[in-house]
Every structure is written in structure tokens, then in C-alpha cells.
Amino acid sequence: MRVHCSPNPVPVPAEEGVAFTLWGMPSHPDFGRVGASIPASVVRKRMRPSGRAWDFLALALGVIAADQTCLRQKSPDGWTRQIHLQVAVVEREVWSTQRNAVEKALRYLTGDIWHVEFIEGGSHPPRMSTWTMRSRRPPSGDCVCLLSGGMDSLIGAIDLVSSGRTPAFVSQTARGDAEKQRLFSATVGPGLSHVQLNHDAVPPGQSERSQRARSIIFLALATITASSLPAYRQGRPIEVYLPENGFISLNVPLTPLRRGSLSTRTTHPFFINAIQEVLEVLGINIELKNPYQFRTKGEMLERCSDQALLRRLALTSTSCGKFGRHGYRHCGRCVPCLVRRAAIARWGIADTTGYVFDDLSISDQQHRHYDDVRSVAYAAHVVASSGVDEWAGSALSHAELGDVGPFASVAERGIAELRSFLATAGAL
């Protein structure tokens, strides 16, 4: 399927694909839109991103548009899509040199076959008016930290501020989390910069719900923020922190049946390293870091540098993979919820989250026999009986990770946390 993404898109025949208006509202009812609110927001926030960071955001928005508009159910195998993305950038020739690297990273991230074509017609970063330059304080800080409203990014923010750093927090706003993001920013780092933006992707038709490409927009929003900081403009590299526990970052498929469709690679080190290499070649001077790559979620909770503040905020964070589907409540049975519950149990405090499916000892399809619960139980059994290598298999690849020892260790410890929780919950 062809997805054409440009500030001034041309119509695409319906049988071939769809066109998206980039950075603005569509001029045709058959066009989708993406990034419409970002230029005005960037101006209001007095951000001055570099041209190449802005082009990277254009690419990320095009990827999000394609990911949401190309339906997996229409692919021959019901999952793997063939996507031809045309995205308008300012420096087409420069970005075209990285086409193969970008396609490789995207294939790994979403499990699809990508063909990326950089085309003319991109837009430069928006310019501020004199009034805006005088009326607002631009973002500042010595690093950037993603702040999603989740528990891991909360811990990352607390640890950075406690260590004396002054991060600029960056959030992709999501329904149910925007206020939480603002609360965490204001509480953890009063007075620090907080940039909240939204990709605002609206396909012209039915939307694909799997959204495997979502992490690229987080990286792009962090990149335009980093390139707006005074230190970046002075030639210094900016560290961009992507706080996520190593177990979820690796996301080893729990069962053989989950090796494709049910295993995301949002912050997988192979994908992050692939994007880092592209940015380095293009001279975008940022360093992507996950300081918790070799910690489980429970270990993150235990080792957080400000336990009092963490106890105050942690249980208000969002972890659920189906949060919106349950009235913005944690379901308690999806994999992210199970990892959360296991981590809190290890931390040793009462979990007052209030899960929709709280008692996992109930022997029915909604609780103990729910697919995610059964899959975690299966993985725990395999690791306990045959070892982590038997369970993880080729998911821990030397070609992708280098020395797999530390990765295997965090995966094994993560399964141990889950096994302990499920046993206590009566779900094993």
C-alpha cells in the first residue's frame, strides 16, 4: 500500500493507497492528516528545532500515518504489510542516503516490509514571531527525558532530578494521561521544562489498532526538543533518556505463538541502536540512552533514588496496554499490568491500583485462563524447568545484541518476578 505524506499532497488512487496532509489540515475529504497541531505548538513553546531534527519528525509522522492507515487484516497472512511510504523532507538527497538503514529499522520495529521514499516538498521548522520570542520562556535543560505517565518514565525522571540533572521532559499526549504527565513533571521537577505534543494522526478510513510503530514518534519529539536546547545549539551532544525496564524493552515472546503479532519492540536495543546510527550519520547530535536496560521493573522500584516521592506517585501511573478500553482503568491481566503487579509485589507495598480483573485465581477465561495470564504462566514454567535459553531461544540474538549474557539475565529475573506474583495470586 502506498502512503503519500506531504504538506501539499497529491491524490492517490484508492486502489493504490492514501494521501496524508503533513503539518496541516487536509484540503480534500479523502486525505488523512498528521502533525497538524505541532507547528503552532512548537511556536508557542518557543522551540527552535534544527532542520534535520524537523525532517526526522516528518519521517516519524509519515511512519505513524502509514502504521495507522494500513490494515493488517488486509495483508495476505493477516499481519505482515507491504508499505510504500513517500514522505516530504527538506533535505531529500541527504535523507535518501539513509533509506536502507531506515527501512531496516522499521522492518524490525513493526514486522512489516517497508519501502521508504524521501520526496521534495518538505517544510522548514516554523519561525517564531517577535511577540512569541518575548512572551514565553523556551525549553531549557541539560538533557531530555521521555515522560509518558507510566511508572518507568516516572522513575527515570525522579532519578535524573535526584542526581542533580535538569532534564527537559517530553510527552506524547494521550487521552487519559495528559494531566498525569503534567502532574509528574510539576511534582518531580518544579520549574523544569515540559514539552507535550501530539502526532494528531487521523486516517481517512478505518484505523489499524496494533500501532507497532509508535516509539518512533517518541524519539522524534525528543529529538526536536533536544535540538532546541541552548546546549545543543552551542554544539554539545544532548542525552535523551528513554526509561524502560529491560524485561519489557527486550519483550521476549512469552510463547512460540507470540513471536510475531503479540511482541512489540518499542525500545528494543537493536531498534534504538539502528536509529542512533541514522541520527549520527546525519549529524543530529543526540545520544539515546536507556539506563534501565538491565533492570527489571521491580528492581527499578527498589532502587529508585527518592523512595518517598516514588511511593507518593507510583500507583497513580499508567501501565495497562488496554487502559482506554476499560474506562481508563487498569485491566490487571494484560502483560504490562502483570509486570506492574509483579514489580509492586516485589517492592513490598500494598497495590491499591484497582484492577478491573483483580483476582486472577478465578478459574475462567476472564482471569486465570486469560491468554496473557496463561502465556506468562507458560513462560515461567519453561524457564523454571528448562532454563532461560530454552524459553528465549533466538529472541536473544548475538547478531542483534552482542553479548547476550546481561540480556538473558534480566529476562530471567523478569520472569522470576512474574512467577512469584502469579504463584501468590493463585494463578499458577
Protein backbone atom coordinates (compact mmCIF):
# COMPACT_ATOMS: atom_id res chain seq x y z
CA MET A 1 0.00 0.00 0.00
CA ARG A 2 1.28 3.48 -0.88
CA VAL A 3 1.09 6.25 1.72
CA HIS A 4 1.91 9.73 0.45
CA CYS A 5 2.68 12.23 3.21
CA SER A 6 3.38 15.86 2.32
CA PRO A 7 2.38 19.42 3.25
CA ASN A 8 0.79 19.58 -0.21
CA PRO A 9 -0.19 16.00 -1.00
CA VAL A 10 -1.34 14.73 -4.36
CA PRO A 11 -4.33 12.39 -4.55
CA VAL A 12 -3.56 8.69 -4.50
CA PRO A 13 -5.92 6.29 -6.32
CA ALA A 14 -7.97 4.44 -3.72
CA GLU A 15 -6.83 1.07 -5.03
CA GLU A 16 -3.18 2.08 -4.50
CA GLY A 17 -3.20 3.78 -1.11
CA VAL A 18 -3.92 7.03 0.66
CA ALA A 19 -2.55 10.57 0.98
CA PHE A 20 -1.92 12.46 4.23
CA THR A 21 -1.55 16.18 4.76
CA LEU A 22 1.57 16.74 6.83
CA TRP A 23 1.68 19.65 9.32
CA GLY A 24 -1.82 20.92 8.50
CA MET A 25 -5.48 20.24 7.84
CA PRO A 26 -6.40 18.28 4.70
CA SER A 27 -7.75 20.10 1.68
CA HIS A 28 -9.58 17.04 0.37
CA PRO A 29 -12.06 14.74 2.15
CA ASP A 30 -10.10 11.66 1.06
CA PHE A 31 -6.87 12.87 2.67
CA GLY A 32 -5.76 11.94 6.16
CA ARG A 33 -3.87 14.33 8.39
CA VAL A 34 -0.88 14.07 10.68
CA GLY A 35 1.07 16.58 12.75
CA ALA A 36 -1.45 19.38 12.20
CA SER A 37 -1.12 20.83 15.70
CA ILE A 38 2.66 20.55 16.03
CA PRO A 39 3.92 23.67 14.20
CA ALA A 40 1.71 26.04 16.22
CA SER A 41 2.62 24.24 19.45
CA VAL A 42 6.32 24.49 18.66
CA VAL A 43 5.98 28.21 18.07
CA ARG A 44 4.03 28.74 21.29
CA LYS A 45 6.68 26.85 23.24
CA ARG A 46 9.47 28.94 21.65
CA MET A 47 11.19 25.85 20.32
CA ARG A 48 13.79 26.23 17.58
CA PRO A 49 14.49 22.69 16.31
CA SER A 50 17.21 22.06 13.78
CA GLY A 51 16.23 21.42 10.18
CA ARG A 52 17.34 17.79 10.22
CA ALA A 53 15.56 17.12 13.51
CA TRP A 54 12.43 18.58 11.90
CA ASP A 55 12.86 16.31 8.88
CA PHE A 56 13.25 13.35 11.26
CA LEU A 57 9.92 14.32 12.80
CA ALA A 58 8.39 14.47 9.31
CA LEU A 59 9.63 10.91 8.72
CA ALA A 60 8.25 9.76 12.08
CA LEU A 61 4.86 11.33 11.35
CA GLY A 62 4.79 9.61 7.98
CA VAL A 63 5.56 6.28 9.65
CA ILE A 64 2.76 6.82 12.19
CA ALA A 65 0.35 7.74 9.39
CA ALA A 66 1.24 4.59 7.46
CA ASP A 67 1.11 2.37 10.54
CA GLN A 68 -2.37 3.57 11.39
CA THR A 69 -3.86 3.52 7.90
CA CYS A 70 -2.52 0.19 6.57
CA LEU A 71 -4.78 -2.53 7.95
CA ARG A 72 -3.08 -5.78 8.87
CA GLN A 73 -6.25 -7.78 8.24
CA LYS A 74 -5.94 -6.97 4.53
CA SER A 75 -2.44 -8.46 4.22
CA PRO A 76 -2.05 -11.98 2.78
CA ASP A 77 -1.06 -13.52 6.14
CA GLY A 78 -3.28 -11.28 8.25
CA TRP A 79 -0.32 -9.46 9.76
CA THR A 80 2.68 -8.55 7.55
CA ARG A 81 2.04 -5.45 5.45
CA GLN A 82 3.90 -4.10 2.43
CA ILE A 83 4.13 -0.34 2.92
CA HIS A 84 5.47 2.16 0.40
CA LEU A 85 5.88 5.40 2.31
CA GLN A 86 6.52 8.64 0.44
CA VAL A 87 7.41 11.42 2.87
CA ALA A 88 8.34 15.00 2.03
CA VAL A 89 11.50 16.39 3.62
CA VAL A 90 13.63 19.47 3.02
CA GLU A 91 16.96 17.66 2.54
CA ARG A 92 15.77 14.87 0.27
CA GLU A 93 19.20 13.89 -1.05
CA VAL A 94 20.71 13.70 2.44
CA TRP A 95 17.88 11.57 3.83
CA SER A 96 17.88 9.31 0.76
CA THR A 97 21.38 8.13 1.72
CA GLN A 98 19.81 6.62 4.86
CA ARG A 99 16.86 4.96 3.16
CA ASN A 100 18.15 1.40 3.58
CA ALA A 101 19.02 1.93 7.25
CA VAL A 102 15.61 3.46 7.95
CA GLU A 103 13.81 0.62 6.19
CA LYS A 104 15.78 -1.96 8.15
CA ALA A 105 14.93 -0.29 11.47
CA LEU A 106 11.24 -0.04 10.58
CA ARG A 107 11.05 -3.66 9.47
CA TYR A 108 12.43 -4.69 12.84
CA LEU A 109 10.11 -2.36 14.73
CA THR A 110 6.80 -3.30 13.11
CA GLY A 111 7.41 -6.65 11.41
CA ASP A 112 6.39 -5.24 8.02
CA ILE A 113 8.08 -4.80 4.64
CA TRP A 114 8.85 -1.10 4.26
CA HIS A 115 9.90 0.88 1.21
CA VAL A 116 10.64 4.48 2.17
CA GLU A 117 10.92 7.18 -0.48
CA PHE A 118 12.02 10.66 0.51
CA ILE A 119 10.48 13.26 -1.79
CA GLU A 120 10.74 17.00 -2.34
CA GLY A 121 8.33 19.48 -0.81
CA GLY A 122 9.15 19.30 2.89
CA SER A 123 8.70 22.20 5.29
CA HIS A 124 11.28 24.07 7.33
CA PRO A 125 10.75 24.41 11.10
CA PRO A 126 8.23 27.15 11.91
CA ARG A 127 9.57 30.59 12.76
CA MET A 128 8.62 32.49 15.89
CA SER A 129 7.11 35.93 15.82
CA THR A 130 8.66 38.79 17.77
CA TRP A 131 5.77 38.63 20.25
CA THR A 132 6.30 34.94 20.90
CA MET A 133 10.03 35.42 21.39
CA ARG A 134 9.39 37.97 24.09
CA SER A 135 6.42 36.40 25.85
CA ARG A 136 7.47 32.87 26.71
CA ARG A 137 10.43 31.00 28.17
CA PRO A 138 11.92 28.49 25.70
CA PRO A 139 12.71 24.92 26.78
CA SER A 140 15.94 24.51 28.70
CA GLY A 141 17.86 21.72 30.39
CA ASP A 142 21.00 19.63 30.19
CA CYS A 143 19.27 16.52 28.82
CA VAL A 144 15.87 15.23 27.66
CA CYS A 145 13.75 12.59 29.37
CA LEU A 146 10.63 10.98 27.99
CA LEU A 147 7.71 11.25 30.41
CA SER A 148 4.76 9.12 29.35
CA GLY A 149 2.72 8.94 32.52
CA GLY A 150 3.97 5.40 33.08
CA MET A 151 5.87 4.04 36.05
CA ASP A 152 9.23 3.53 34.32
CA SER A 153 9.47 7.07 32.95
CA LEU A 154 8.41 8.40 36.34
CA ILE A 155 11.32 6.56 37.95
CA GLY A 156 13.66 7.81 35.25
CA ALA A 157 12.58 11.41 35.88
CA ILE A 158 12.97 11.05 39.65
CA ASP A 159 16.44 9.53 39.34
CA LEU A 160 17.66 12.21 36.94
CA VAL A 161 16.43 15.10 39.08
CA SER A 162 17.74 13.47 42.27
CA SER A 163 21.17 13.18 40.68
CA GLY A 164 21.28 16.93 40.02
CA ARG A 165 20.36 16.84 36.33
CA THR A 166 17.91 19.30 34.78
CA PRO A 167 16.00 17.32 32.16
CA ALA A 168 13.52 18.79 29.73
CA PHE A 169 10.58 16.38 29.92
CA VAL A 170 8.91 15.32 26.66
CA SER A 171 5.48 13.71 26.40
CA GLN A 172 3.39 12.39 23.54
CA THR A 173 -0.01 13.29 24.92
CA ALA A 174 -2.58 10.55 25.11
CA ARG A 175 -6.15 10.59 26.29
CA GLY A 176 -6.19 9.71 29.96
CA ASP A 177 -2.52 10.57 30.53
CA ALA A 178 -2.00 14.27 29.71
CA GLU A 179 -2.91 15.53 33.18
CA LYS A 180 -0.82 12.78 34.76
CA GLN A 181 2.18 13.82 32.69
CA ARG A 182 1.80 17.41 33.87
CA LEU A 183 1.42 16.28 37.49
CA PHE A 184 4.58 14.17 37.34
CA SER A 185 6.57 16.95 35.70
CA ALA A 186 5.45 19.60 38.17
CA THR A 187 5.98 17.34 41.19
CA VAL A 188 9.29 15.72 40.24
CA GLY A 189 10.91 18.77 38.68
CA PRO A 190 9.12 22.02 39.59
CA GLY A 191 10.11 24.71 37.13
CA LEU A 192 11.73 22.33 34.65
CA SER A 193 10.68 22.44 31.01
CA HIS A 194 7.91 20.09 29.91
CA VAL A 195 7.01 19.72 26.24
CA GLN A 196 3.71 17.98 25.45
CA LEU A 197 2.93 17.35 21.78
CA ASN A 198 0.62 15.06 19.84
CA HIS A 199 1.07 13.47 16.42
CA ASP A 200 -2.64 14.03 15.77
CA ALA A 201 -2.79 11.27 13.16
CA VAL A 202 -6.25 10.86 11.64
CA PRO A 203 -6.54 8.32 8.80
CA PRO A 204 -9.32 8.94 6.28
CA GLY A 205 -10.78 5.49 6.93
CA GLN A 206 -10.57 2.67 9.46
CA SER A 207 -7.58 2.84 11.80
CA GLU A 208 -5.21 -0.07 12.50
CA ARG A 209 -5.09 -0.69 16.26
CA SER A 210 -1.81 -2.60 16.62
CA GLN A 211 0.31 0.59 16.28
CA ARG A 212 3.69 -1.12 16.42
CA ALA A 213 5.49 2.00 15.14
CA ARG A 214 4.55 4.31 17.99
CA SER A 215 8.00 4.58 19.56
CA ILE A 216 9.47 6.42 16.58
CA ILE A 217 7.29 9.43 17.33
CA PHE A 218 8.55 9.49 20.93
CA LEU A 219 12.13 9.58 19.62
CA ALA A 220 11.32 12.29 17.09
CA LEU A 221 9.58 14.55 19.62
CA ALA A 222 12.53 14.11 21.97
CA THR A 223 14.90 14.95 19.12
CA ILE A 224 13.25 18.25 18.15
CA THR A 225 13.22 19.20 21.83
CA ALA A 226 16.87 18.28 22.29
CA SER A 227 17.88 20.27 19.21
CA SER A 228 16.03 23.30 20.63
CA LEU A 229 18.05 23.37 23.86
CA PRO A 230 20.74 26.04 24.26
CA ALA A 231 23.44 23.42 24.88
CA TYR A 232 22.67 21.71 21.55
CA ARG A 233 22.85 25.00 19.70
CA GLN A 234 26.26 25.52 21.29
CA GLY A 235 27.49 22.28 19.75
CA ARG A 236 27.19 19.97 22.74
CA PRO A 237 25.61 16.49 22.46
CA ILE A 238 22.31 16.06 24.28
CA GLU A 239 21.47 12.84 26.11
CA VAL A 240 17.91 11.62 25.51
CA TYR A 241 16.72 9.21 28.18
CA LEU A 242 14.19 6.50 27.31
CA PRO A 243 13.46 4.92 30.70
CA GLU A 244 12.08 1.41 30.38
CA ASN A 245 12.78 -1.76 32.30
CA GLY A 246 14.92 -4.28 30.48
CA PHE A 247 12.36 -7.08 30.58
CA ILE A 248 9.75 -5.09 28.65
CA SER A 249 12.39 -3.48 26.45
CA LEU A 250 13.51 -6.91 25.21
CA ASN A 251 9.93 -8.19 25.20
CA VAL A 252 10.93 -11.79 24.56
CA PRO A 253 7.88 -13.60 23.13
CA LEU A 254 6.21 -15.46 26.00
CA THR A 255 5.17 -18.41 23.85
CA PRO A 256 6.09 -19.63 20.34
CA LEU A 257 2.71 -18.36 19.09
CA ARG A 258 3.52 -14.80 20.17
CA ARG A 259 6.74 -14.40 18.20
CA GLY A 260 5.15 -12.08 15.66
CA SER A 261 1.92 -10.28 16.27
CA LEU A 262 1.97 -10.02 20.04
CA SER A 263 5.56 -8.96 20.64
CA THR A 264 6.36 -5.25 20.37
CA ARG A 265 9.86 -3.79 20.04
CA THR A 266 9.18 -0.25 21.23
CA THR A 267 12.54 0.33 22.95
CA HIS A 268 14.36 -2.81 21.89
CA PRO A 269 18.12 -2.06 21.90
CA PHE A 270 18.51 -3.21 18.29
CA PHE A 271 15.93 -0.68 17.09
CA ILE A 272 17.26 2.11 19.31
CA ASN A 273 20.82 1.48 18.10
CA ALA A 274 19.64 1.46 14.47
CA ILE A 275 18.01 4.87 14.87
CA GLN A 276 21.04 6.17 16.77
CA GLU A 277 23.27 5.26 13.83
CA VAL A 278 21.00 7.11 11.39
CA LEU A 279 20.99 10.23 13.55
CA GLU A 280 24.77 10.13 13.93
CA VAL A 281 25.34 9.90 10.18
CA LEU A 282 23.04 12.87 9.67
CA GLY A 283 24.87 14.92 12.28
CA ILE A 284 21.95 15.07 14.73
CA ASN A 285 23.96 15.36 17.91
CA ILE A 286 21.96 13.37 20.46
CA GLU A 287 22.64 10.19 22.43
CA LEU A 288 19.74 7.78 23.03
CA LYS A 289 20.03 6.07 26.42
CA ASN A 290 18.06 3.56 28.46
CA PRO A 291 19.75 3.41 31.89
CA TYR A 292 17.46 0.57 32.97
CA GLN A 293 18.24 -1.87 30.16
CA PHE A 294 19.50 -4.42 32.68
CA ARG A 295 16.96 -3.88 35.47
CA THR A 296 13.56 -5.44 35.95
CA LYS A 297 10.62 -3.23 36.85
CA GLY A 298 10.78 -4.47 40.43
CA GLU A 299 14.47 -3.58 40.61
CA MET A 300 13.70 -0.12 39.26
CA LEU A 301 11.17 0.42 42.04
CA GLU A 302 13.52 -0.87 44.73
CA ARG A 303 16.50 1.21 43.60
CA CYS A 304 14.73 4.49 42.83
CA SER A 305 16.69 7.30 44.47
CA ASP A 306 13.70 9.04 46.13
CA GLN A 307 11.53 6.36 47.69
CA ALA A 308 9.25 8.82 49.46
CA LEU A 309 8.36 10.64 46.25
CA LEU A 310 8.01 7.37 44.37
CA ARG A 311 5.58 5.98 46.95
CA ARG A 312 3.55 9.16 46.60
CA LEU A 313 3.23 8.92 42.80
CA ALA A 314 3.92 5.39 41.58
CA LEU A 315 0.44 3.92 41.93
CA THR A 316 -1.09 6.83 40.01
CA SER A 317 1.00 5.92 36.95
CA THR A 318 -0.39 4.12 33.91
CA SER A 319 0.85 0.71 32.80
CA CYS A 320 -2.10 -1.02 31.14
CA GLY A 321 -1.96 -1.93 27.47
CA LYS A 322 -5.74 -1.63 27.27
CA PHE A 323 -6.22 1.40 29.51
CA GLY A 324 -8.70 3.21 27.25
CA ARG A 325 -10.78 0.11 26.60
CA HIS A 326 -11.65 -0.25 30.27
CA GLY A 327 -12.74 3.29 31.02
CA TYR A 328 -9.15 4.40 31.78
CA ARG A 329 -8.71 1.73 34.41
CA HIS A 330 -6.01 -0.94 34.57
CA CYS A 331 -7.30 -4.29 33.38
CA GLY A 332 -4.91 -6.19 35.66
CA ARG A 333 -4.41 -9.11 33.27
CA CYS A 334 -2.52 -7.85 30.18
CA VAL A 335 1.25 -8.34 30.10
CA PRO A 336 2.10 -4.73 31.10
CA CYS A 337 -0.36 -4.97 34.00
CA LEU A 338 1.09 -8.30 35.12
CA VAL A 339 4.62 -6.89 35.01
CA ARG A 340 3.40 -3.89 37.03
CA ARG A 341 1.68 -6.06 39.63
CA ALA A 342 4.68 -8.36 39.95
CA ALA A 343 7.04 -5.39 40.37
CA ILE A 344 4.87 -3.78 43.05
CA ALA A 345 4.66 -7.10 44.89
CA ARG A 346 8.45 -7.32 44.87
CA TRP A 347 8.68 -3.70 46.04
CA GLY A 348 6.62 -4.70 49.03
CA ILE A 349 3.87 -2.08 49.21
CA ALA A 350 0.11 -2.55 49.05
CA ASP A 351 -1.13 -2.28 45.47
CA THR A 352 -4.19 -0.03 45.56
CA THR A 353 -4.37 0.44 41.78
CA GLY A 354 -7.87 -1.03 41.47
CA TYR A 355 -7.77 -3.55 38.62
CA VAL A 356 -10.84 -4.49 36.57
CA PHE A 357 -9.81 -8.16 36.73
CA ASP A 358 -8.17 -8.19 40.14
CA ASP A 359 -8.50 -11.80 41.36
CA LEU A 360 -6.50 -13.92 38.95
CA SER A 361 -7.20 -17.10 40.91
CA ILE A 362 -10.71 -17.22 39.43
CA SER A 363 -10.68 -20.17 37.05
CA ASP A 364 -12.34 -18.70 33.96
CA GLN A 365 -11.43 -17.14 30.61
CA GLN A 366 -11.50 -13.63 32.04
CA HIS A 367 -8.98 -14.25 34.81
CA ARG A 368 -6.68 -17.25 35.30
CA HIS A 369 -7.24 -18.60 31.78
CA TYR A 370 -6.99 -15.26 30.00
CA ASP A 371 -4.44 -15.53 27.17
CA ASP A 372 -1.84 -13.16 28.64
CA VAL A 373 -2.03 -14.78 32.07
CA ARG A 374 -1.68 -18.27 30.58
CA SER A 375 1.22 -17.12 28.38
CA VAL A 376 3.13 -15.70 31.34
CA ALA A 377 2.48 -18.91 33.27
CA TYR A 378 3.78 -20.93 30.31
CA ALA A 379 6.98 -18.85 30.10
CA ALA A 380 7.51 -19.15 33.86
CA HIS A 381 7.14 -22.93 33.63
CA VAL A 382 9.60 -23.26 30.74
CA VAL A 383 12.23 -21.10 32.44
CA ALA A 384 11.83 -22.96 35.74
CA SER A 385 12.04 -26.40 34.14
CA SER A 386 14.42 -25.87 31.21
CA GLY A 387 16.19 -22.53 31.72
CA VAL A 388 16.02 -19.10 30.14
CA ASP A 389 17.85 -20.15 26.97
CA GLU A 390 15.21 -22.75 26.16
CA TRP A 391 12.47 -20.16 26.56
CA ALA A 392 14.11 -17.15 24.89
CA GLY A 393 15.70 -19.04 22.02
CA SER A 394 16.62 -16.89 19.04
CA ALA A 395 14.93 -13.82 20.57
CA LEU A 396 18.24 -13.14 22.32
CA SER A 397 20.47 -12.93 19.27
CA HIS A 398 24.21 -12.26 19.40
CA ALA A 399 23.91 -10.58 15.99
CA GLU A 400 21.37 -8.11 17.40
CA LEU A 401 22.65 -7.67 20.96
CA GLY A 402 26.32 -8.62 21.11
CA ASP A 403 27.00 -10.25 24.47
CA VAL A 404 23.60 -11.77 25.28
CA GLY A 405 24.52 -12.68 28.87
CA PRO A 406 23.25 -9.50 30.59
CA PHE A 407 20.10 -9.52 28.45
CA ALA A 408 19.37 -13.16 29.27
CA SER A 409 19.88 -12.39 32.94
CA VAL A 410 17.36 -9.53 33.06
CA ALA A 411 14.86 -11.62 31.08
CA GLU A 412 15.25 -14.47 33.57
CA ARG A 413 14.86 -12.16 36.57
CA GLY A 414 11.79 -10.59 34.99
CA ILE A 415 10.17 -13.99 34.57
CA ALA A 416 11.06 -14.80 38.19
CA GLU A 417 9.18 -11.67 39.34
CA LEU A 418 6.16 -12.70 37.31
CA ARG A 419 6.27 -16.30 38.52
CA SER A 420 6.40 -15.19 42.15
CA PHE A 421 3.41 -12.90 41.65
CA LEU A 422 1.32 -15.47 39.82
CA ALA A 423 2.04 -18.06 42.47
CA THR A 424 0.98 -15.70 45.25
CA ALA A 425 -2.10 -14.66 43.23
CA GLY A 426 -3.18 -18.28 42.77
CA ALA A 427 -2.81 -18.13 39.00
CA LEU A 428 -0.19 -20.86 38.52
